[in-house]
Amino acid sequence: MTKSVTVNNEHSSLGVLWLIGWLFTIGFLKLGFWKGALGLLIWPYFLGVHFAP
């Protein structure tokens, strides 16, 4: 028996929009490379803590 797998790519534009917004934020705040990289790693954690029930 053969099972078929479908791949859904409807939300890929949201990821691109998030990346563009994040790069704009780094440029707007004039962050250096290391501060921008650190923020990229830590920022999702703080968002999760903030919006968790």
PDB file of N, CA and C in Angstrom:
ATOM      1  N   MET A   1       0.837  -1.166   0.000  1.00  0.00           N
ATOM      2  CA  MET A   1       0.000   0.000   0.000  1.00  0.00           C
ATOM      3  C   MET A   1       0.892   1.241   0.000  1.00  0.00           C
ATOM      4  N   THR A   2       0.620   2.153  -0.889  1.00  0.00           N
ATOM      5  CA  THR A   2       1.402   3.372  -1.015  1.00  0.00           C
ATOM      6  C   THR A   2       0.664   4.532  -0.363  1.00  0.00           C
ATOM      7  N   LYS A   3       1.372   5.241   0.497  1.00  0.00           N
ATOM      8  CA  LYS A   3       0.795   6.422   1.135  1.00  0.00           C
ATOM      9  C   LYS A   3       1.345   7.665   0.451  1.00  0.00           C
ATOM     10  N   SER A   4       0.475   8.629   0.235  1.00  0.00           N
ATOM     11  CA  SER A   4       0.933   9.872  -0.377  1.00  0.00           C
ATOM     12  C   SER A   4       1.097  10.938   0.705  1.00  0.00           C
ATOM     13  N   VAL A   5       2.060  11.799   0.482  1.00  0.00           N
ATOM     14  CA  VAL A   5       2.354  12.882   1.414  1.00  0.00           C
ATOM     15  C   VAL A   5       2.176  14.190   0.662  1.00  0.00           C
ATOM     16  N   THR A   6       1.425  15.101   1.251  1.00  0.00           N
ATOM     17  CA  THR A   6       1.270  16.418   0.646  1.00  0.00           C
ATOM     18  C   THR A   6       1.993  17.451   1.495  1.00  0.00           C
ATOM     19  N   VAL A   7       2.619  18.389   0.828  1.00  0.00           N
ATOM     20  CA  VAL A   7       3.357  19.454   1.500  1.00  0.00           C
ATOM     21  C   VAL A   7       2.594  20.748   1.283  1.00  0.00           C
ATOM     22  N   ASN A   8       2.320  21.449   2.360  1.00  0.00           N
ATOM     23  CA  ASN A   8       1.553  22.679   2.313  1.00  0.00           C
ATOM     24  C   ASN A   8       2.494  23.859   2.538  1.00  0.00           C
ATOM     25  N   ASN A   9       2.606  24.754   1.567  1.00  0.00           N
ATOM     26  CA  ASN A   9       3.505  25.907   1.676  1.00  0.00           C
ATOM     27  C   ASN A   9       2.749  27.224   1.740  1.00  0.00           C
ATOM     28  N   GLU A  10       1.612  27.252   2.377  1.00  0.00           N
ATOM     29  CA  GLU A  10       0.799  28.462   2.422  1.00  0.00           C
ATOM     30  C   GLU A  10       1.402  29.545   3.310  1.00  0.00           C
ATOM     31  N   HIS A  11       2.138  29.179   4.333  1.00  0.00           N
ATOM     32  CA  HIS A  11       2.607  30.142   5.318  1.00  0.00           C
ATOM     33  C   HIS A  11       4.054  30.566   5.110  1.00  0.00           C
ATOM     34  N   SER A  12       4.653  30.232   3.986  1.00  0.00           N
ATOM     35  CA  SER A  12       6.047  30.593   3.774  1.00  0.00           C
ATOM     36  C   SER A  12       6.216  32.105   3.634  1.00  0.00           C
ATOM     37  N   SER A  13       5.200  32.805   3.163  1.00  0.00           N
ATOM     38  CA  SER A  13       5.312  34.258   3.021  1.00  0.00           C
ATOM     39  C   SER A  13       5.372  34.939   4.382  1.00  0.00           C
ATOM     40  N   LEU A  14       4.784  34.348   5.404  1.00  0.00           N
ATOM     41  CA  LEU A  14       4.853  34.937   6.744  1.00  0.00           C
ATOM     42  C   LEU A  14       6.273  34.900   7.288  1.00  0.00           C
ATOM     43  N   GLY A  15       6.993  33.841   6.998  1.00  0.00           N
ATOM     44  CA  GLY A  15       8.384  33.751   7.427  1.00  0.00           C
ATOM     45  C   GLY A  15       9.252  34.786   6.745  1.00  0.00           C
ATOM     46  N   VAL A  16       9.020  35.007   5.468  1.00  0.00           N
ATOM     47  CA  VAL A  16       9.774  36.019   4.728  1.00  0.00           C
ATOM     48  C   VAL A  16       9.441  37.406   5.264  1.00  0.00           C
ATOM     49  N   LEU A  17       8.169  37.660   5.545  1.00  0.00           N
ATOM     50  CA  LEU A  17       7.762  38.948   6.100  1.00  0.00           C
ATOM     51  C   LEU A  17       8.398  39.174   7.472  1.00  0.00           C
ATOM     52  N   TRP A  18       8.463  38.119   8.299  1.00  0.00           N
ATOM     53  CA  TRP A  18       9.102  38.230   9.610  1.00  0.00           C
ATOM     54  C   TRP A  18      10.587  38.560   9.450  1.00  0.00           C
ATOM     55  N   LEU A  19      11.264  37.905   8.506  1.00  0.00           N
ATOM     56  CA  LEU A  19      12.689  38.157   8.292  1.00  0.00           C
ATOM     57  C   LEU A  19      12.926  39.587   7.824  1.00  0.00           C
ATOM     58  N   ILE A  20      12.104  40.074   6.915  1.00  0.00           N
ATOM     59  CA  ILE A  20      12.246  41.453   6.444  1.00  0.00           C
ATOM     60  C   ILE A  20      12.036  42.428   7.605  1.00  0.00           C
ATOM     61  N   GLY A  21      11.027  42.179   8.424  1.00  0.00           N
ATOM     62  CA  GLY A  21      10.770  43.038   9.577  1.00  0.00           C
ATOM     63  C   GLY A  21      11.916  43.021  10.569  1.00  0.00           C
ATOM     64  N   TRP A  22      12.499  41.846  10.775  1.00  0.00           N
ATOM     65  CA  TRP A  22      13.596  41.746  11.726  1.00  0.00           C
ATOM     66  C   TRP A  22      14.838  42.459  11.208  1.00  0.00           C
ATOM     67  N   LEU A  23      15.140  42.303   9.916  1.00  0.00           N
ATOM     68  CA  LEU A  23      16.292  42.995   9.344  1.00  0.00           C
ATOM     69  C   LEU A  23      16.083  44.509   9.379  1.00  0.00           C
ATOM     70  N   PHE A  24      14.857  44.970   9.148  1.00  0.00           N
ATOM     71  CA  PHE A  24      14.565  46.396   9.259  1.00  0.00           C
ATOM     72  C   PHE A  24      14.803  46.878  10.685  1.00  0.00           C
ATOM     73  N   THR A  25      14.369  46.091  11.674  1.00  0.00           N
ATOM     74  CA  THR A  25      14.536  46.480  13.076  1.00  0.00           C
ATOM     75  C   THR A  25      16.014  46.583  13.442  1.00  0.00           C
ATOM     76  N   ILE A  26      16.815  45.635  12.997  1.00  0.00           N
ATOM     77  CA  ILE A  26      18.254  45.684  13.282  1.00  0.00           C
ATOM     78  C   ILE A  26      18.871  46.928  12.665  1.00  0.00           C
ATOM     79  N   GLY A  27      18.492  47.238  11.431  1.00  0.00           N
ATOM     80  CA  GLY A  27      19.022  48.432  10.780  1.00  0.00           C
ATOM     81  C   GLY A  27      18.520  49.714  11.419  1.00  0.00           C
ATOM     82  N   PHE A  28      17.247  49.760  11.788  1.00  0.00           N
ATOM     83  CA  PHE A  28      16.662  50.960  12.384  1.00  0.00           C
ATOM     84  C   PHE A  28      17.311  51.274  13.729  1.00  0.00           C
ATOM     85  N   LEU A  29      17.583  50.243  14.520  1.00  0.00           N
ATOM     86  CA  LEU A  29      18.204  50.446  15.833  1.00  0.00           C
ATOM     87  C   LEU A  29      19.716  50.574  15.753  1.00  0.00           C
ATOM     88  N   LYS A  30      20.268  50.400  14.544  1.00  0.00           N
ATOM     89  CA  LYS A  30      21.717  50.497  14.304  1.00  0.00           C
ATOM     90  C   LYS A  30      22.487  49.539  15.210  1.00  0.00           C
ATOM     91  N   LEU A  31      21.973  48.292  15.294  1.00  0.00           N
ATOM     92  CA  LEU A  31      22.652  47.280  16.095  1.00  0.00           C
ATOM     93  C   LEU A  31      23.829  46.715  15.310  1.00  0.00           C
ATOM     94  N   GLY A  32      24.863  46.344  16.013  1.00  0.00           N
ATOM     95  CA  GLY A  32      25.984  45.673  15.390  1.00  0.00           C
ATOM     96  C   GLY A  32      25.635  44.221  15.098  1.00  0.00           C
ATOM     97  N   PHE A  33      26.568  43.525  14.482  1.00  0.00           N
ATOM     98  CA  PHE A  33      26.311  42.142  14.088  1.00  0.00           C
ATOM     99  C   PHE A  33      26.026  41.262  15.292  1.00  0.00           C
ATOM    100  N   TRP A  34      26.856  41.346  16.327  1.00  0.00           N
ATOM    101  CA  TRP A  34      26.706  40.435  17.464  1.00  0.00           C
ATOM    102  C   TRP A  34      25.452  40.737  18.279  1.00  0.00           C
ATOM    103  N   LYS A  35      25.113  42.016  18.435  1.00  0.00           N
ATOM    104  CA  LYS A  35      23.875  42.349  19.142  1.00  0.00           C
ATOM    105  C   LYS A  35      22.655  41.902  18.336  1.00  0.00           C
ATOM    106  N   GLY A  36      22.725  42.038  17.022  1.00  0.00           N
ATOM    107  CA  GLY A  36      21.635  41.578  16.170  1.00  0.00           C
ATOM    108  C   GLY A  36      21.484  40.068  16.210  1.00  0.00           C
ATOM    109  N   ALA A  37      22.607  39.339  16.178  1.00  0.00           N
ATOM    110  CA  ALA A  37      22.558  37.871  16.246  1.00  0.00           C
ATOM    111  C   ALA A  37      22.045  37.413  17.603  1.00  0.00           C
ATOM    112  N   LEU A  38      22.468  38.070  18.668  1.00  0.00           N
ATOM    113  CA  LEU A  38      22.000  37.720  20.002  1.00  0.00           C
ATOM    114  C   LEU A  38      20.499  37.982  20.127  1.00  0.00           C
ATOM    115  N   GLY A  39      20.057  39.102  19.602  1.00  0.00           N
ATOM    116  CA  GLY A  39      18.634  39.407  19.625  1.00  0.00           C
ATOM    117  C   GLY A  39      17.825  38.416  18.804  1.00  0.00           C
ATOM    118  N   LEU A  40      18.376  37.951  17.700  1.00  0.00           N
ATOM    119  CA  LEU A  40      17.694  36.974  16.859  1.00  0.00           C
ATOM    120  C   LEU A  40      17.493  35.654  17.593  1.00  0.00           C
ATOM    121  N   LEU A  41      18.404  35.308  18.489  1.00  0.00           N
ATOM    122  CA  LEU A  41      18.307  34.061  19.243  1.00  0.00           C
ATOM    123  C   LEU A  41      17.435  34.203  20.493  1.00  0.00           C
ATOM    124  N   ILE A  42      17.475  35.355  21.134  1.00  0.00           N
ATOM    125  CA  ILE A  42      16.785  35.525  22.410  1.00  0.00           C
ATOM    126  C   ILE A  42      15.373  36.078  22.236  1.00  0.00           C
ATOM    127  N   TRP A  43      15.146  36.891  21.213  1.00  0.00           N
ATOM    128  CA  TRP A  43      13.859  37.554  21.023  1.00  0.00           C
ATOM    129  C   TRP A  43      12.679  36.589  20.951  1.00  0.00           C
ATOM    130  N   PRO A  44      12.754  35.458  20.225  1.00  0.00           N
ATOM    131  CA  PRO A  44      11.612  34.534  20.218  1.00  0.00           C
ATOM    132  C   PRO A  44      11.284  33.976  21.603  1.00  0.00           C
ATOM    133  N   TYR A  45      12.297  33.784  22.451  1.00  0.00           N
ATOM    134  CA  TYR A  45      12.041  33.301  23.806  1.00  0.00           C
ATOM    135  C   TYR A  45      11.202  34.310  24.578  1.00  0.00           C
ATOM    136  N   PHE A  46      11.585  35.572  24.522  1.00  0.00           N
ATOM    137  CA  PHE A  46      10.847  36.597  25.262  1.00  0.00           C
ATOM    138  C   PHE A  46       9.431  36.765  24.701  1.00  0.00           C
ATOM    139  N   LEU A  47       9.252  36.628  23.399  1.00  0.00           N
ATOM    140  CA  LEU A  47       7.912  36.679  22.835  1.00  0.00           C
ATOM    141  C   LEU A  47       7.065  35.517  23.367  1.00  0.00           C
ATOM    142  N   GLY A  48       7.645  34.327  23.442  1.00  0.00           N
ATOM    143  CA  GLY A  48       6.926  33.183  23.957  1.00  0.00           C
ATOM    144  C   GLY A  48       6.534  33.331  25.408  1.00  0.00           C
ATOM    145  N   VAL A  49       7.433  33.878  26.206  1.00  0.00           N
ATOM    146  CA  VAL A  49       7.135  34.097  27.626  1.00  0.00           C
ATOM    147  C   VAL A  49       6.039  35.156  27.780  1.00  0.00           C
ATOM    148  N   HIS A  50       6.098  36.177  26.958  1.00  0.00           N
ATOM    149  CA  HIS A  50       5.117  37.257  27.055  1.00  0.00           C
ATOM    150  C   HIS A  50       3.712  36.797  26.672  1.00  0.00           C
ATOM    151  N   PHE A  51       3.595  36.009  25.604  1.00  0.00           N
ATOM    152  CA  PHE A  51       2.288  35.620  25.101  1.00  0.00           C
ATOM    153  C   PHE A  51       1.799  34.274  25.642  1.00  0.00           C
ATOM    154  N   ALA A  52       2.567  33.628  26.496  1.00  0.00           N
ATOM    155  CA  ALA A  52       2.113  32.366  27.094  1.00  0.00           C
ATOM    156  C   ALA A  52       0.982  32.652  28.076  1.00  0.00           C
ATOM    157  N   PRO A  53       0.063  31.715  28.198  1.00  0.00           N
ATOM    158  CA  PRO A  53      -1.067  31.939  29.123  1.00  0.00           C
ATOM    159  C   PRO A  53      -0.635  31.965  30.575  1.00  0.00           C
TER     160      PRO A  53
END
